């Protein structure tokens, strides 16, 4: 799998933290803070992994993920959410994802990404 990541989160601090961590590990990292940015970047770059926050300030991250995945079926999605009912949200939407619960440990997220990259 290509070592490219799209990080989609409406909190700039989280985007900066994650991008710095993954860049140090040799990933090509792109970040988006909203739906329009994410769709544009995903269309241009075709990331190998997408890390999506579920709540994007007025936008449903799962709906956005479905849109992006339909144009980039090879992308492996990781969803970040504080919801205890995450499976109930994703299963009806027909989305197969890897899930990381908030608050998350950056080391665990990094390990998950490395595992998915093989």
C-alpha atoms as a PDB file:
ATOM      1  CA  UNK A   1       0.000   0.000   0.000  1.00  0.00           C
ATOM      2  CA  UNK A   2       1.172   3.496  -0.812  1.00  0.00           C
ATOM      3  CA  UNK A   3       2.280   5.450   2.266  1.00  0.00           C
ATOM      4  CA  UNK A   4      -0.130   8.338   1.792  1.00  0.00           C
ATOM      5  CA  UNK A   5      -2.673   9.562   4.311  1.00  0.00           C
ATOM      6  CA  UNK A   6      -5.583  11.967   4.146  1.00  0.00           C
ATOM      7  CA  UNK A   7      -6.499  13.361   7.574  1.00  0.00           C
ATOM      8  CA  UNK A   8      -9.987  14.883   7.776  1.00  0.00           C
ATOM      9  CA  UNK A   9     -10.790  16.678  11.020  1.00  0.00           C
ATOM     10  CA  UNK A  10     -12.289  20.091  11.728  1.00  0.00           C
ATOM     11  CA  UNK A  11      -9.903  20.687  14.661  1.00  0.00           C
ATOM     12  CA  UNK A  12      -6.687  22.200  13.344  1.00  0.00           C
ATOM     13  CA  UNK A  13      -4.667  21.062  16.368  1.00  0.00           C
ATOM     14  CA  UNK A  14      -5.532  17.424  15.749  1.00  0.00           C
ATOM     15  CA  UNK A  15      -4.652  17.745  12.061  1.00  0.00           C
ATOM     16  CA  UNK A  16      -1.289  19.302  12.905  1.00  0.00           C
ATOM     17  CA  UNK A  17      -0.455  16.689  15.544  1.00  0.00           C
ATOM     18  CA  UNK A  18      -1.330  13.735  13.334  1.00  0.00           C
ATOM     19  CA  UNK A  19       0.374  15.147  10.253  1.00  0.00           C
ATOM     20  CA  UNK A  20       3.632  15.770  12.137  1.00  0.00           C
ATOM     21  CA  UNK A  21       3.646  12.257  13.602  1.00  0.00           C
ATOM     22  CA  UNK A  22       2.989  10.524  10.281  1.00  0.00           C
ATOM     23  CA  UNK A  23       5.361  12.721   8.268  1.00  0.00           C
ATOM     24  CA  UNK A  24       8.172  11.723  10.637  1.00  0.00           C
ATOM     25  CA  UNK A  25       7.417   8.116   9.713  1.00  0.00           C
ATOM     26  CA  UNK A  26       7.761   8.845   6.006  1.00  0.00           C
ATOM     27  CA  UNK A  27       4.110   9.229   5.049  1.00  0.00           C
ATOM     28  CA  UNK A  28       2.911  11.701   2.451  1.00  0.00           C
ATOM     29  CA  UNK A  29       0.242  13.494   4.499  1.00  0.00           C
ATOM     30  CA  UNK A  30      -2.566  15.729   3.262  1.00  0.00           C
ATOM     31  CA  UNK A  31      -5.031  17.405   5.624  1.00  0.00           C
ATOM     32  CA  UNK A  32      -8.548  18.740   5.215  1.00  0.00           C
ATOM     33  CA  UNK A  33     -10.759  20.620   7.637  1.00  0.00           C
ATOM     34  CA  UNK A  34     -14.049  20.290   5.778  1.00  0.00           C
ATOM     35  CA  UNK A  35     -15.977  18.322   3.156  1.00  0.00           C
ATOM     36  CA  UNK A  36     -14.941  20.389   0.131  1.00  0.00           C
ATOM     37  CA  UNK A  37     -11.217  20.286   0.956  1.00  0.00           C
ATOM     38  CA  UNK A  38     -11.353  16.554   1.649  1.00  0.00           C
ATOM     39  CA  UNK A  39     -13.105  15.715  -1.622  1.00  0.00           C
ATOM     40  CA  UNK A  40     -10.710  17.870  -3.650  1.00  0.00           C
ATOM     41  CA  UNK A  41      -7.584  16.418  -2.027  1.00  0.00           C
ATOM     42  CA  UNK A  42      -8.842  12.836  -2.244  1.00  0.00           C
ATOM     43  CA  UNK A  43      -9.658  13.246  -5.927  1.00  0.00           C
ATOM     44  CA  UNK A  44      -6.203  14.621  -6.718  1.00  0.00           C
ATOM     45  CA  UNK A  45      -4.056  12.430  -4.466  1.00  0.00           C
ATOM     46  CA  UNK A  46      -5.904   9.097  -4.099  1.00  0.00           C
ATOM     47  CA  UNK A  47      -4.606   8.421  -0.556  1.00  0.00           C
ATOM     48  CA  UNK A  48      -3.899   4.886   0.624  1.00  0.00           C
ATOM     49  CA  UNK A  49      -5.376   5.593   4.060  1.00  0.00           C
ATOM     50  CA  UNK A  50      -8.052   8.070   5.120  1.00  0.00           C
ATOM     51  CA  UNK A  51      -8.464   9.125   8.748  1.00  0.00           C
ATOM     52  CA  UNK A  52     -11.894  10.686   9.261  1.00  0.00           C
ATOM     53  CA  UNK A  53     -13.508  12.356  12.245  1.00  0.00           C
ATOM     54  CA  UNK A  54     -17.204  11.456  12.369  1.00  0.00           C
ATOM     55  CA  UNK A  55     -18.353  14.928  13.437  1.00  0.00           C
ATOM     56  CA  UNK A  56     -16.977  17.546  11.078  1.00  0.00           C
ATOM     57  CA  UNK A  57     -18.850  20.595  12.298  1.00  0.00           C
ATOM     58  CA  UNK A  58     -22.049  20.378  10.285  1.00  0.00           C
ATOM     59  CA  UNK A  59     -20.907  17.524   8.063  1.00  0.00           C
ATOM     60  CA  UNK A  60     -21.293  13.812   8.690  1.00  0.00           C
ATOM     61  CA  UNK A  61     -17.847  12.248   8.320  1.00  0.00           C
ATOM     62  CA  UNK A  62     -19.360   8.858   7.450  1.00  0.00           C
ATOM     63  CA  UNK A  63     -21.278  10.309   4.501  1.00  0.00           C
ATOM     64  CA  UNK A  64     -18.128  12.047   3.322  1.00  0.00           C
ATOM     65  CA  UNK A  65     -16.172   8.829   3.700  1.00  0.00           C
ATOM     66  CA  UNK A  66     -18.690   6.976   1.514  1.00  0.00           C
ATOM     67  CA  UNK A  67     -18.384   9.638  -1.195  1.00  0.00           C
ATOM     68  CA  UNK A  68     -14.595   9.560  -1.189  1.00  0.00           C
ATOM     69  CA  UNK A  69     -14.428   5.756  -1.003  1.00  0.00           C
ATOM     70  CA  UNK A  70     -16.717   5.439  -4.043  1.00  0.00           C
ATOM     71  CA  UNK A  71     -14.083   7.283  -6.116  1.00  0.00           C
ATOM     72  CA  UNK A  72     -11.115   5.637  -4.402  1.00  0.00           C
ATOM     73  CA  UNK A  73     -12.141   2.069  -3.501  1.00  0.00           C
ATOM     74  CA  UNK A  74      -8.567   1.124  -2.592  1.00  0.00           C
ATOM     75  CA  UNK A  75      -8.404   3.621   0.263  1.00  0.00           C
ATOM     76  CA  UNK A  76      -8.420   2.052   3.734  1.00  0.00           C
ATOM     77  CA  UNK A  77     -10.600   4.152   6.062  1.00  0.00           C
ATOM     78  CA  UNK A  78      -9.997   4.761   9.750  1.00  0.00           C
ATOM     79  CA  UNK A  79     -12.786   6.551  11.595  1.00  0.00           C
ATOM     80  CA  UNK A  80     -12.294   8.451  14.830  1.00  0.00           C
ATOM     81  CA  UNK A  81     -15.315   8.915  17.077  1.00  0.00           C
ATOM     82  CA  UNK A  82     -16.258   9.312  20.711  1.00  0.00           C
ATOM     83  CA  UNK A  83     -19.526   7.440  20.130  1.00  0.00           C
ATOM     84  CA  UNK A  84     -20.154   4.263  22.093  1.00  0.00           C
ATOM     85  CA  UNK A  85     -22.531   3.203  19.338  1.00  0.00           C
ATOM     86  CA  UNK A  86     -20.114   3.371  16.460  1.00  0.00           C
ATOM     87  CA  UNK A  87     -21.073  -0.021  14.996  1.00  0.00           C
ATOM     88  CA  UNK A  88     -24.710   1.059  14.965  1.00  0.00           C
ATOM     89  CA  UNK A  89     -23.721   4.125  12.923  1.00  0.00           C
ATOM     90  CA  UNK A  90     -21.506   2.353  10.395  1.00  0.00           C
ATOM     91  CA  UNK A  91     -23.272  -0.925   9.732  1.00  0.00           C
ATOM     92  CA  UNK A  92     -26.490   0.584   8.311  1.00  0.00           C
ATOM     93  CA  UNK A  93     -24.391   2.878   6.135  1.00  0.00           C
ATOM     94  CA  UNK A  94     -22.648  -0.152   4.624  1.00  0.00           C
ATOM     95  CA  UNK A  95     -19.190   1.093   5.497  1.00  0.00           C
ATOM     96  CA  UNK A  96     -16.338  -1.241   6.390  1.00  0.00           C
ATOM     97  CA  UNK A  97     -13.891   0.779   8.466  1.00  0.00           C
ATOM     98  CA  UNK A  98     -11.261   0.555  11.144  1.00  0.00           C
ATOM     99  CA  UNK A  99     -12.351   2.372  14.275  1.00  0.00           C
ATOM    100  CA  UNK A 100     -10.369   4.384  16.820  1.00  0.00           C
ATOM    101  CA  UNK A 101     -12.269   5.669  19.853  1.00  0.00           C
ATOM    102  CA  UNK A 102     -11.765   9.185  21.209  1.00  0.00           C
ATOM    103  CA  UNK A 103      -9.913  10.188  23.176  1.00  0.00           C
ATOM    104  CA  UNK A 104      -7.273   8.241  21.308  1.00  0.00           C
ATOM    105  CA  UNK A 105      -3.665   7.453  22.056  1.00  0.00           C
ATOM    106  CA  UNK A 106      -1.535   8.692  19.142  1.00  0.00           C
ATOM    107  CA  UNK A 107       0.767   5.685  19.573  1.00  0.00           C
ATOM    108  CA  UNK A 108      -2.158   3.305  19.101  1.00  0.00           C
ATOM    109  CA  UNK A 109      -3.329   5.206  16.015  1.00  0.00           C
ATOM    110  CA  UNK A 110       0.194   5.114  14.604  1.00  0.00           C
ATOM    111  CA  UNK A 111       0.395   1.346  15.239  1.00  0.00           C
ATOM    112  CA  UNK A 112      -2.961   0.838  13.485  1.00  0.00           C
ATOM    113  CA  UNK A 113      -1.804   2.807  10.435  1.00  0.00           C
ATOM    114  CA  UNK A 114       1.484   0.888  10.264  1.00  0.00           C
ATOM    115  CA  UNK A 115      -0.404  -2.415  10.577  1.00  0.00           C
ATOM    116  CA  UNK A 116      -2.697  -1.459   7.695  1.00  0.00           C
ATOM    117  CA  UNK A 117       0.254  -0.457   5.514  1.00  0.00           C
ATOM    118  CA  UNK A 118       1.718  -3.930   5.932  1.00  0.00           C
END
